[in-house]
Amino acid sequence: MRKTLIPLTAVATLALLCPVPSAHAASKEMIQLQTQVQTLQDMLQRLQQTNDQRQAVMQHLIEQTADNVNRMSQSIDSMQQAMQTQSANTGKVDQLSGQMQSMNDSIDELKSRVSNLNKTLQDIQAQLQNVNTQQAGGGQPATPNGQPTPGGTDANAAPAQPQAPPVDQLYQGGLRDYNSAKYDVASGEFSDVLKYYPQDNLAGNAQFYLGEIAYRQGDYKTAIKNYDAVLEQFSGNPKVPAAQLRKGEAELATNQRDAGIRDLRNLIQRFPQTPEAAQARSRLNGMGVRITAPKPSPSAYHPE
């Protein structure tokens, strides 16, 4: 009996010892996994610090660019005052008006670039916020409204419609192509601004530049139509004085003398302190036309 019990005891002992190596291996793997997670967290923290530094640099550059744009705007204001003091000299006014239009185009492009940089910075900040939220909550990526993205796809869902480029990108591209005399391309970009962003502040500018493109191409009828759209649909846009001036010039170019004189006079009456009004006065003086319309004589109302 004693010889039979010895092997049974040995087998029982071996059975108890067998799980020990397996538990030790699982504990080792857990430690390795925790180490890897900690390493990833450290890497993410360093990445966030790097992105914070880059954002600070970008913000500084954006602020510098905005300051430059403001200084250029002040220079334009100085030029406007100079134009008003020299309104009696036709040649100088016309020359300054051309310079003003060119500078205004450049200012518009710079402002669009600054706005685009701000939008890019906001997108980066939103992405970092999304990463931080995932790291803290361990959930799914958040959608723009803060809700987790649902898993899977809906077979009956309608296909996603193509997104229009951002309005700043469209407008900036249109200005760049307009200044490069790529009028067909610029016309398409400005038309897209009006199509996709009809309520945006840049829509009135885009409408004005469609008129400018037609004017430069000698299509005065289309130019007048686009200038009218600026005056009627975007009456608060800063391009309104320029649109009225260019409409009058387009009418004079198509032998619509009375209409052109009427629009130039209207411009002077509505915006008397603008450089466009100074140019309108110069144009009327050069034509030998009075700045203000003559008052009708009393006999016109009471014929004898």
C-alpha atoms as a PDB file:
ATOM      1  CA  MET A   1       0.000   0.000   0.000  1.00  0.00           C
ATOM      2  CA  ARG A   2       2.790   2.477   0.741  1.00  0.00           C
ATOM      3  CA  LYS A   3       4.404   1.978  -2.664  1.00  0.00           C
ATOM      4  CA  THR A   4       1.081   2.902  -4.394  1.00  0.00           C
ATOM      5  CA  LEU A   5       0.546   6.158  -2.423  1.00  0.00           C
ATOM      6  CA  ILE A   6       3.924   7.657  -3.309  1.00  0.00           C
ATOM      7  CA  PRO A   7       3.217   8.044  -7.058  1.00  0.00           C
ATOM      8  CA  LEU A   8      -0.252   9.492  -6.350  1.00  0.00           C
ATOM      9  CA  THR A   9       1.237  12.152  -4.091  1.00  0.00           C
ATOM     10  CA  ALA A  10       3.800  13.032  -6.707  1.00  0.00           C
ATOM     11  CA  VAL A  11       1.120  13.375  -9.406  1.00  0.00           C
ATOM     12  CA  ALA A  12      -0.999  15.623  -7.201  1.00  0.00           C
ATOM     13  CA  THR A  13       1.993  17.835  -6.464  1.00  0.00           C
ATOM     14  CA  LEU A  14       2.795  18.193 -10.178  1.00  0.00           C
ATOM     15  CA  ALA A  15      -0.830  19.066 -10.945  1.00  0.00           C
ATOM     16  CA  LEU A  16      -0.743  21.873  -8.413  1.00  0.00           C
ATOM     17  CA  LEU A  17       2.487  23.272  -9.765  1.00  0.00           C
ATOM     18  CA  CYS A  18       1.507  23.203 -13.455  1.00  0.00           C
ATOM     19  CA  PRO A  19      -0.621  26.483 -13.467  1.00  0.00           C
ATOM     20  CA  VAL A  20       2.157  28.491 -11.851  1.00  0.00           C
ATOM     21  CA  PRO A  21       4.214  29.079 -15.035  1.00  0.00           C
ATOM     22  CA  SER A  22       1.026  30.081 -16.930  1.00  0.00           C
ATOM     23  CA  ALA A  23       0.023  32.706 -14.328  1.00  0.00           C
ATOM     24  CA  HIS A  24       3.558  34.066 -14.261  1.00  0.00           C
ATOM     25  CA  ALA A  25       3.519  34.487 -18.078  1.00  0.00           C
ATOM     26  CA  ALA A  26       0.178  36.319 -17.984  1.00  0.00           C
ATOM     27  CA  SER A  27       1.491  38.684 -15.327  1.00  0.00           C
ATOM     28  CA  LYS A  28       4.584  39.400 -17.442  1.00  0.00           C
ATOM     29  CA  GLU A  29       2.451  40.155 -20.513  1.00  0.00           C
ATOM     30  CA  MET A  30       0.269  42.503 -18.441  1.00  0.00           C
ATOM     31  CA  ILE A  31       3.337  44.411 -17.281  1.00  0.00           C
ATOM     32  CA  GLN A  32       4.568  44.715 -20.874  1.00  0.00           C
ATOM     33  CA  LEU A  33       1.153  45.966 -22.029  1.00  0.00           C
ATOM     34  CA  GLN A  34       1.054  48.573 -19.262  1.00  0.00           C
ATOM     35  CA  THR A  35       4.555  49.693 -20.237  1.00  0.00           C
ATOM     36  CA  GLN A  36       3.515  50.076 -23.881  1.00  0.00           C
ATOM     37  CA  VAL A  37       0.410  52.076 -22.894  1.00  0.00           C
ATOM     38  CA  GLN A  38       2.514  54.385 -20.746  1.00  0.00           C
ATOM     39  CA  THR A  39       4.981  54.846 -23.622  1.00  0.00           C
ATOM     40  CA  LEU A  40       2.142  55.752 -26.001  1.00  0.00           C
ATOM     41  CA  GLN A  41       0.751  58.248 -23.492  1.00  0.00           C
ATOM     42  CA  ASP A  42       4.168  59.866 -23.145  1.00  0.00           C
ATOM     43  CA  MET A  43       4.483  60.093 -26.933  1.00  0.00           C
ATOM     44  CA  LEU A  44       1.021  61.650 -27.203  1.00  0.00           C
ATOM     45  CA  GLN A  45       1.903  64.209 -24.533  1.00  0.00           C
ATOM     46  CA  ARG A  46       5.107  65.174 -26.376  1.00  0.00           C
ATOM     47  CA  LEU A  47       3.157  65.433 -29.617  1.00  0.00           C
ATOM     48  CA  GLN A  48       0.626  67.708 -27.968  1.00  0.00           C
ATOM     49  CA  GLN A  49       3.396  69.919 -26.589  1.00  0.00           C
ATOM     50  CA  THR A  50       4.930  70.170 -30.064  1.00  0.00           C
ATOM     51  CA  ASN A  51       1.564  71.069 -31.577  1.00  0.00           C
ATOM     52  CA  ASP A  52       0.995  73.699 -28.886  1.00  0.00           C
ATOM     53  CA  GLN A  53       4.332  75.293 -29.761  1.00  0.00           C
ATOM     54  CA  ARG A  54       3.503  75.261 -33.478  1.00  0.00           C
ATOM     55  CA  GLN A  55       0.092  76.783 -32.811  1.00  0.00           C
ATOM     56  CA  ALA A  56       1.728  79.589 -30.837  1.00  0.00           C
ATOM     57  CA  VAL A  57       4.068  80.284 -33.769  1.00  0.00           C
ATOM     58  CA  MET A  58       1.176  80.219 -36.249  1.00  0.00           C
ATOM     59  CA  GLN A  59      -0.882  82.544 -34.077  1.00  0.00           C
ATOM     60  CA  HIS A  60       2.024  84.978 -33.901  1.00  0.00           C
ATOM     61  CA  LEU A  61       2.450  84.915 -37.680  1.00  0.00           C
ATOM     62  CA  ILE A  62      -1.276  85.446 -38.204  1.00  0.00           C
ATOM     63  CA  GLU A  63      -1.248  88.432 -35.873  1.00  0.00           C
ATOM     64  CA  GLN A  64       1.740  89.905 -37.715  1.00  0.00           C
ATOM     65  CA  THR A  65      -0.028  89.444 -41.053  1.00  0.00           C
ATOM     66  CA  ALA A  66      -3.183  91.069 -39.707  1.00  0.00           C
ATOM     67  CA  ASP A  67      -1.107  94.029 -38.491  1.00  0.00           C
ATOM     68  CA  ASN A  68       0.419  94.377 -41.956  1.00  0.00           C
ATOM     69  CA  VAL A  69      -3.027  94.343 -43.527  1.00  0.00           C
ATOM     70  CA  ASN A  70      -4.189  97.045 -41.124  1.00  0.00           C
ATOM     71  CA  ARG A  71      -1.190  99.200 -41.988  1.00  0.00           C
ATOM     72  CA  MET A  72      -1.918  98.792 -45.681  1.00  0.00           C
ATOM     73  CA  SER A  73      -5.528  99.800 -45.031  1.00  0.00           C
ATOM     74  CA  GLN A  74      -4.271 102.947 -43.314  1.00  0.00           C
ATOM     75  CA  SER A  75      -2.089 103.667 -46.347  1.00  0.00           C
ATOM     76  CA  ILE A  76      -5.148 103.359 -48.569  1.00  0.00           C
ATOM     77  CA  ASP A  77      -7.012 105.832 -46.356  1.00  0.00           C
ATOM     78  CA  SER A  78      -4.128 108.279 -46.773  1.00  0.00           C
ATOM     79  CA  MET A  79      -4.270 107.830 -50.538  1.00  0.00           C
ATOM     80  CA  GLN A  80      -8.008 108.486 -50.485  1.00  0.00           C
ATOM     81  CA  GLN A  81      -7.437 111.791 -48.710  1.00  0.00           C
ATOM     82  CA  ALA A  82      -4.754 112.688 -51.233  1.00  0.00           C
ATOM     83  CA  MET A  83      -7.176 111.948 -54.069  1.00  0.00           C
ATOM     84  CA  GLN A  84      -9.789 114.252 -52.625  1.00  0.00           C
ATOM     85  CA  THR A  85      -7.310 117.134 -52.306  1.00  0.00           C
ATOM     86  CA  GLN A  86      -6.195 116.630 -55.913  1.00  0.00           C
ATOM     87  CA  SER A  87      -9.632 116.107 -57.440  1.00  0.00           C
ATOM     88  CA  ALA A  88      -9.203 119.166 -59.672  1.00  0.00           C
ATOM     89  CA  ASN A  89      -6.376 117.514 -61.569  1.00  0.00           C
ATOM     90  CA  THR A  90      -7.869 114.888 -63.881  1.00  0.00           C
ATOM     91  CA  GLY A  91      -4.686 113.038 -64.697  1.00  0.00           C
ATOM     92  CA  LYS A  92      -3.607 112.605 -61.089  1.00  0.00           C
ATOM     93  CA  VAL A  93      -7.030 111.460 -59.958  1.00  0.00           C
ATOM     94  CA  ASP A  94      -7.262 108.834 -62.661  1.00  0.00           C
ATOM     95  CA  GLN A  95      -3.770 107.591 -61.881  1.00  0.00           C
ATOM     96  CA  LEU A  96      -4.448 107.393 -58.143  1.00  0.00           C
ATOM     97  CA  SER A  97      -7.778 105.668 -58.765  1.00  0.00           C
ATOM     98  CA  GLY A  98      -6.032 102.948 -60.742  1.00  0.00           C
ATOM     99  CA  GLN A  99      -3.508 102.492 -57.963  1.00  0.00           C
ATOM    100  CA  MET A 100      -6.302 102.393 -55.419  1.00  0.00           C
ATOM    101  CA  GLN A 101      -8.179  99.660 -57.282  1.00  0.00           C
ATOM    102  CA  SER A 102      -5.019  97.569 -57.538  1.00  0.00           C
ATOM    103  CA  MET A 103      -4.266  98.008 -53.833  1.00  0.00           C
ATOM    104  CA  ASN A 104      -7.846  97.192 -52.904  1.00  0.00           C
ATOM    105  CA  ASP A 105      -7.565  93.932 -54.830  1.00  0.00           C
ATOM    106  CA  SER A 106      -4.345  93.104 -52.975  1.00  0.00           C
ATOM    107  CA  ILE A 107      -5.904  93.990 -49.628  1.00  0.00           C
ATOM    108  CA  ASP A 108      -8.872  91.734 -50.343  1.00  0.00           C
ATOM    109  CA  GLU A 109      -6.526  88.863 -51.129  1.00  0.00           C
ATOM    110  CA  LEU A 110      -4.468  89.443 -47.980  1.00  0.00           C
ATOM    111  CA  LYS A 111      -7.567  89.586 -45.800  1.00  0.00           C
ATOM    112  CA  SER A 112      -8.772  86.351 -47.337  1.00  0.00           C
ATOM    113  CA  ARG A 113      -5.434  84.691 -46.597  1.00  0.00           C
ATOM    114  CA  VAL A 114      -5.492  85.836 -42.983  1.00  0.00           C
ATOM    115  CA  SER A 115      -9.017  84.483 -42.594  1.00  0.00           C
ATOM    116  CA  ASN A 116      -7.933  81.201 -44.165  1.00  0.00           C
ATOM    117  CA  LEU A 117      -5.012  80.926 -41.728  1.00  0.00           C
ATOM    118  CA  ASN A 118      -7.346  81.545 -38.812  1.00  0.00           C
ATOM    119  CA  LYS A 119      -9.672  78.825 -40.080  1.00  0.00           C
ATOM    120  CA  THR A 120      -6.754  76.382 -40.383  1.00  0.00           C
ATOM    121  CA  LEU A 121      -5.653  77.150 -36.842  1.00  0.00           C
ATOM    122  CA  GLN A 122      -9.172  76.579 -35.548  1.00  0.00           C
ATOM    123  CA  ASP A 123      -9.313  73.225 -37.349  1.00  0.00           C
ATOM    124  CA  ILE A 124      -6.028  72.154 -35.748  1.00  0.00           C
ATOM    125  CA  GLN A 125      -7.277  73.172 -32.321  1.00  0.00           C
ATOM    126  CA  ALA A 126     -10.511  71.244 -32.870  1.00  0.00           C
ATOM    127  CA  GLN A 127      -8.559  68.134 -33.882  1.00  0.00           C
ATOM    128  CA  LEU A 128      -6.382  68.353 -30.787  1.00  0.00           C
ATOM    129  CA  GLN A 129      -9.482  68.787 -28.624  1.00  0.00           C
ATOM    130  CA  ASN A 130     -10.946  65.682 -30.219  1.00  0.00           C
ATOM    131  CA  VAL A 131      -7.769  63.709 -29.483  1.00  0.00           C
ATOM    132  CA  ASN A 132      -7.748  64.922 -25.872  1.00  0.00           C
ATOM    133  CA  THR A 133     -11.398  63.903 -25.472  1.00  0.00           C
ATOM    134  CA  GLN A 134     -10.677  60.422 -26.796  1.00  0.00           C
ATOM    135  CA  GLN A 135      -7.674  60.084 -24.522  1.00  0.00           C
ATOM    136  CA  ALA A 136      -9.649  61.138 -21.449  1.00  0.00           C
ATOM    137  CA  GLY A 137     -12.812  59.177 -22.170  1.00  0.00           C
ATOM    138  CA  GLY A 138     -11.483  56.285 -24.189  1.00  0.00           C
ATOM    139  CA  GLY A 139     -14.536  56.521 -26.411  1.00  0.00           C
ATOM    140  CA  GLN A 140     -15.107  56.809 -30.090  1.00  0.00           C
ATOM    141  CA  PRO A 141     -14.101  59.903 -32.080  1.00  0.00           C
ATOM    142  CA  ALA A 142     -16.511  62.747 -31.565  1.00  0.00           C
ATOM    143  CA  THR A 143     -18.477  64.347 -34.323  1.00  0.00           C
ATOM    144  CA  PRO A 144     -18.569  68.176 -34.646  1.00  0.00           C
ATOM    145  CA  ASN A 145     -21.629  68.320 -32.345  1.00  0.00           C
ATOM    146  CA  GLY A 146     -19.783  66.392 -29.664  1.00  0.00           C
ATOM    147  CA  GLN A 147     -21.652  63.073 -30.109  1.00  0.00           C
ATOM    148  CA  PRO A 148     -19.729  59.830 -30.690  1.00  0.00           C
ATOM    149  CA  THR A 149     -19.571  58.582 -34.229  1.00  0.00           C
ATOM    150  CA  PRO A 150     -21.998  55.658 -34.542  1.00  0.00           C
ATOM    151  CA  GLY A 151     -20.456  52.360 -35.527  1.00  0.00           C
ATOM    152  CA  GLY A 152     -21.249  50.673 -38.804  1.00  0.00           C
ATOM    153  CA  THR A 153     -22.950  52.080 -41.866  1.00  0.00           C
ATOM    154  CA  ASP A 154     -26.539  52.317 -42.899  1.00  0.00           C
ATOM    155  CA  ALA A 155     -27.123  50.581 -46.189  1.00  0.00           C
ATOM    156  CA  ASN A 156     -30.174  52.762 -46.832  1.00  0.00           C
ATOM    157  CA  ALA A 157     -28.396  56.037 -46.095  1.00  0.00           C
ATOM    158  CA  ALA A 158     -28.110  58.498 -48.965  1.00  0.00           C
ATOM    159  CA  PRO A 159     -24.599  58.945 -50.390  1.00  0.00           C
ATOM    160  CA  ALA A 160     -22.741  61.947 -49.002  1.00  0.00           C
ATOM    161  CA  GLN A 161     -22.890  64.998 -51.213  1.00  0.00           C
ATOM    162  CA  PRO A 162     -19.548  66.531 -52.241  1.00  0.00           C
ATOM    163  CA  GLN A 163     -18.614  69.427 -49.987  1.00  0.00           C
ATOM    164  CA  ALA A 164     -17.924  72.835 -51.518  1.00  0.00           C
ATOM    165  CA  PRO A 165     -14.489  74.299 -50.747  1.00  0.00           C
ATOM    166  CA  PRO A 166     -14.425  76.861 -47.929  1.00  0.00           C
ATOM    167  CA  VAL A 167     -15.592  80.311 -48.987  1.00  0.00           C
ATOM    168  CA  ASP A 168     -12.216  81.869 -48.180  1.00  0.00           C
ATOM    169  CA  GLN A 169     -10.454  79.327 -50.368  1.00  0.00           C
ATOM    170  CA  LEU A 170     -12.832  79.928 -53.280  1.00  0.00           C
ATOM    171  CA  TYR A 171     -12.622  83.707 -53.007  1.00  0.00           C
ATOM    172  CA  GLN A 172      -8.860  83.770 -52.561  1.00  0.00           C
ATOM    173  CA  GLY A 173      -8.415  81.533 -55.598  1.00  0.00           C
ATOM    174  CA  GLY A 174     -10.699  83.811 -57.610  1.00  0.00           C
ATOM    175  CA  LEU A 175      -8.698  86.909 -56.657  1.00  0.00           C
ATOM    176  CA  ARG A 176      -5.426  85.213 -57.474  1.00  0.00           C
ATOM    177  CA  ASP A 177      -6.638  84.125 -60.900  1.00  0.00           C
ATOM    178  CA  TYR A 178      -8.258  87.522 -61.535  1.00  0.00           C
ATOM    179  CA  ASN A 179      -5.007  89.339 -60.802  1.00  0.00           C
ATOM    180  CA  SER A 180      -3.221  86.855 -63.079  1.00  0.00           C
ATOM    181  CA  ALA A 181      -5.691  87.636 -65.898  1.00  0.00           C
ATOM    182  CA  LYS A 182      -7.066  84.062 -65.810  1.00  0.00           C
ATOM    183  CA  TYR A 183     -10.545  85.435 -66.202  1.00  0.00           C
ATOM    184  CA  ASP A 184     -12.378  82.243 -67.153  1.00  0.00           C
ATOM    185  CA  VAL A 185     -11.043  80.395 -64.109  1.00  0.00           C
ATOM    186  CA  ALA A 186     -11.657  83.364 -61.802  1.00  0.00           C
ATOM    187  CA  SER A 187     -15.206  83.729 -63.104  1.00  0.00           C
ATOM    188  CA  GLY A 188     -15.956  80.118 -62.179  1.00  0.00           C
ATOM    189  CA  GLU A 189     -14.545  80.569 -58.678  1.00  0.00           C
ATOM    190  CA  PHE A 190     -16.467  83.786 -58.014  1.00  0.00           C
ATOM    191  CA  SER A 191     -19.625  82.147 -59.354  1.00  0.00           C
ATOM    192  CA  ASP A 192     -19.107  79.269 -56.906  1.00  0.00           C
ATOM    193  CA  VAL A 193     -18.877  81.769 -54.044  1.00  0.00           C
ATOM    194  CA  LEU A 194     -22.290  83.114 -55.037  1.00  0.00           C
ATOM    195  CA  LYS A 195     -23.693  79.626 -55.558  1.00  0.00           C
ATOM    196  CA  TYR A 196     -22.574  78.012 -52.314  1.00  0.00           C
ATOM    197  CA  TYR A 197     -22.296  81.052 -50.020  1.00  0.00           C
ATOM    198  CA  PRO A 198     -24.897  83.617 -51.199  1.00  0.00           C
ATOM    199  CA  GLN A 199     -25.280  85.102 -47.701  1.00  0.00           C
ATOM    200  CA  ASP A 200     -21.578  85.434 -46.924  1.00  0.00           C
ATOM    201  CA  ASN A 201     -19.960  88.868 -46.747  1.00  0.00           C
ATOM    202  CA  LEU A 202     -17.665  87.903 -49.613  1.00  0.00           C
ATOM    203  CA  ALA A 203     -20.591  87.201 -51.948  1.00  0.00           C
ATOM    204  CA  GLY A 204     -20.956  90.909 -52.794  1.00  0.00           C
ATOM    205  CA  ASN A 205     -17.234  91.152 -53.540  1.00  0.00           C
ATOM    206  CA  ALA A 206     -17.467  88.121 -55.809  1.00  0.00           C
ATOM    207  CA  GLN A 207     -20.397  89.711 -57.663  1.00  0.00           C
ATOM    208  CA  PHE A 208     -18.377  92.896 -58.153  1.00  0.00           C
ATOM    209  CA  TYR A 209     -15.396  91.024 -59.591  1.00  0.00           C
ATOM    210  CA  LEU A 210     -17.656  89.206 -62.029  1.00  0.00           C
ATOM    211  CA  GLY A 211     -18.549  92.676 -63.296  1.00  0.00           C
ATOM    212  CA  GLU A 212     -14.872  93.625 -63.438  1.00  0.00           C
ATOM    213  CA  ILE A 213     -14.034  90.531 -65.475  1.00  0.00           C
ATOM    214  CA  ALA A 214     -16.789  91.314 -67.981  1.00  0.00           C
ATOM    215  CA  TYR A 215     -15.661  94.965 -68.125  1.00  0.00           C
ATOM    216  CA  ARG A 216     -12.052  94.014 -68.845  1.00  0.00           C
ATOM    217  CA  GLN A 217     -13.206  91.663 -71.561  1.00  0.00           C
ATOM    218  CA  GLY A 218     -15.249  94.440 -73.195  1.00  0.00           C
ATOM    219  CA  ASP A 219     -18.583  92.798 -72.400  1.00  0.00           C
ATOM    220  CA  TYR A 220     -20.111  95.975 -71.000  1.00  0.00           C
ATOM    221  CA  LYS A 221     -23.679  94.694 -71.046  1.00  0.00           C
ATOM    222  CA  THR A 222     -22.809  91.784 -68.750  1.00  0.00           C
ATOM    223  CA  ALA A 223     -20.665  94.087 -66.632  1.00  0.00           C
ATOM    224  CA  ILE A 224     -23.595  96.470 -66.080  1.00  0.00           C
ATOM    225  CA  LYS A 225     -25.785  93.519 -65.108  1.00  0.00           C
ATOM    226  CA  ASN A 226     -23.283  92.372 -62.480  1.00  0.00           C
ATOM    227  CA  TYR A 227     -22.766  95.889 -61.126  1.00  0.00           C
ATOM    228  CA  ASP A 228     -26.540  96.259 -60.825  1.00  0.00           C
ATOM    229  CA  ALA A 229     -26.616  93.012 -58.827  1.00  0.00           C
ATOM    230  CA  VAL A 230     -24.085  94.478 -56.376  1.00  0.00           C
ATOM    231  CA  LEU A 231     -26.125  97.678 -55.998  1.00  0.00           C
ATOM    232  CA  GLU A 232     -29.445  95.886 -55.573  1.00  0.00           C
ATOM    233  CA  GLN A 233     -28.588  92.694 -53.686  1.00  0.00           C
ATOM    234  CA  PHE A 234     -25.553  93.780 -51.649  1.00  0.00           C
ATOM    235  CA  SER A 235     -26.321  97.407 -50.845  1.00  0.00           C
ATOM    236  CA  GLY A 236     -24.223  97.349 -47.670  1.00  0.00           C
ATOM    237  CA  ASN A 237     -21.112  95.947 -49.328  1.00  0.00           C
ATOM    238  CA  PRO A 238     -17.997  98.162 -49.405  1.00  0.00           C
ATOM    239  CA  LYS A 239     -17.735  97.563 -53.158  1.00  0.00           C
ATOM    240  CA  VAL A 240     -20.964  99.501 -53.818  1.00  0.00           C
ATOM    241  CA  PRO A 241     -19.257 102.864 -54.655  1.00  0.00           C
ATOM    242  CA  ALA A 242     -16.859 101.130 -57.034  1.00  0.00           C
ATOM    243  CA  ALA A 243     -19.743  99.199 -58.618  1.00  0.00           C
ATOM    244  CA  GLN A 244     -21.689 102.414 -59.245  1.00  0.00           C
ATOM    245  CA  LEU A 245     -18.629 104.116 -60.731  1.00  0.00           C
ATOM    246  CA  ARG A 246     -17.852 101.208 -63.021  1.00  0.00           C
ATOM    247  CA  LYS A 247     -21.482 100.924 -64.067  1.00  0.00           C
ATOM    248  CA  GLY A 248     -21.460 104.570 -65.130  1.00  0.00           C
ATOM    249  CA  GLU A 249     -18.229 104.073 -67.053  1.00  0.00           C
ATOM    250  CA  ALA A 250     -19.636 100.980 -68.772  1.00  0.00           C
ATOM    251  CA  GLU A 251     -22.744 102.928 -69.776  1.00  0.00           C
ATOM    252  CA  LEU A 252     -20.625 105.725 -71.220  1.00  0.00           C
ATOM    253  CA  ALA A 253     -18.566 103.130 -73.106  1.00  0.00           C
ATOM    254  CA  THR A 254     -21.771 101.864 -74.759  1.00  0.00           C
ATOM    255  CA  ASN A 255     -22.957 105.389 -75.667  1.00  0.00           C
ATOM    256  CA  GLN A 256     -25.567 105.468 -72.904  1.00  0.00           C
ATOM    257  CA  ARG A 257     -24.556 109.011 -72.049  1.00  0.00           C
ATOM    258  CA  ASP A 258     -27.616 110.049 -70.042  1.00  0.00           C
ATOM    259  CA  ALA A 259     -27.591 106.859 -67.964  1.00  0.00           C
ATOM    260  CA  GLY A 260     -23.848 107.138 -67.334  1.00  0.00           C
ATOM    261  CA  ILE A 261     -24.109 110.779 -66.222  1.00  0.00           C
ATOM    262  CA  ARG A 262     -27.036 109.908 -63.979  1.00  0.00           C
ATOM    263  CA  ASP A 263     -25.119 107.090 -62.252  1.00  0.00           C
ATOM    264  CA  LEU A 264     -21.998 109.212 -61.772  1.00  0.00           C
ATOM    265  CA  ARG A 265     -24.052 112.001 -60.230  1.00  0.00           C
ATOM    266  CA  ASN A 266     -25.852 109.513 -58.012  1.00  0.00           C
ATOM    267  CA  LEU A 267     -22.513 108.169 -56.852  1.00  0.00           C
ATOM    268  CA  ILE A 268     -21.310 111.668 -55.912  1.00  0.00           C
ATOM    269  CA  GLN A 269     -24.519 112.331 -54.036  1.00  0.00           C
ATOM    270  CA  ARG A 270     -24.552 109.061 -52.095  1.00  0.00           C
ATOM    271  CA  PHE A 271     -20.835 108.704 -51.339  1.00  0.00           C
ATOM    272  CA  PRO A 272     -19.344 112.212 -51.643  1.00  0.00           C
ATOM    273  CA  GLN A 273     -16.193 111.504 -49.599  1.00  0.00           C
ATOM    274  CA  THR A 274     -15.066 108.359 -51.433  1.00  0.00           C
ATOM    275  CA  PRO A 275     -12.261 108.200 -54.008  1.00  0.00           C
ATOM    276  CA  GLU A 276     -14.815 106.839 -56.483  1.00  0.00           C
ATOM    277  CA  ALA A 277     -16.797 110.067 -56.095  1.00  0.00           C
ATOM    278  CA  ALA A 278     -13.623 112.056 -56.770  1.00  0.00           C
ATOM    279  CA  GLN A 279     -13.074 110.094 -59.953  1.00  0.00           C
ATOM    280  CA  ALA A 280     -16.712 110.605 -60.966  1.00  0.00           C
ATOM    281  CA  ARG A 281     -16.303 114.380 -60.538  1.00  0.00           C
ATOM    282  CA  SER A 282     -13.190 114.275 -62.662  1.00  0.00           C
ATOM    283  CA  ARG A 283     -14.970 112.322 -65.376  1.00  0.00           C
ATOM    284  CA  LEU A 284     -17.931 114.680 -65.471  1.00  0.00           C
ATOM    285  CA  ASN A 285     -15.643 117.714 -65.545  1.00  0.00           C
ATOM    286  CA  GLY A 286     -13.754 116.185 -68.447  1.00  0.00           C
ATOM    287  CA  MET A 287     -17.025 115.753 -70.314  1.00  0.00           C
ATOM    288  CA  GLY A 288     -18.019 119.346 -69.621  1.00  0.00           C
ATOM    289  CA  VAL A 289     -20.994 118.205 -67.552  1.00  0.00           C
ATOM    290  CA  ARG A 290     -22.150 119.790 -64.313  1.00  0.00           C
ATOM    291  CA  ILE A 291     -21.559 117.777 -61.133  1.00  0.00           C
ATOM    292  CA  THR A 292     -25.155 118.231 -60.028  1.00  0.00           C
ATOM    293  CA  ALA A 293     -28.160 118.034 -62.280  1.00  0.00           C
ATOM    294  CA  PRO A 294     -29.636 121.465 -63.090  1.00  0.00           C
ATOM    295  CA  LYS A 295     -32.884 122.224 -61.377  1.00  0.00           C
ATOM    296  CA  PRO A 296     -35.864 122.432 -63.722  1.00  0.00           C
ATOM    297  CA  SER A 297     -37.029 125.948 -64.382  1.00  0.00           C
ATOM    298  CA  PRO A 298     -40.427 127.017 -62.993  1.00  0.00           C
ATOM    299  CA  SER A 299     -41.718 127.411 -66.536  1.00  0.00           C
ATOM    300  CA  ALA A 300     -41.422 123.664 -66.935  1.00  0.00           C
ATOM    301  CA  TYR A 301     -44.191 123.264 -64.381  1.00  0.00           C
ATOM    302  CA  HIS A 302     -46.227 126.374 -65.260  1.00  0.00           C
ATOM    303  CA  PRO A 303     -46.064 126.919 -69.006  1.00  0.00           C
ATOM    304  CA  GLU A 304     -47.548 130.172 -70.141  1.00  0.00           C
END
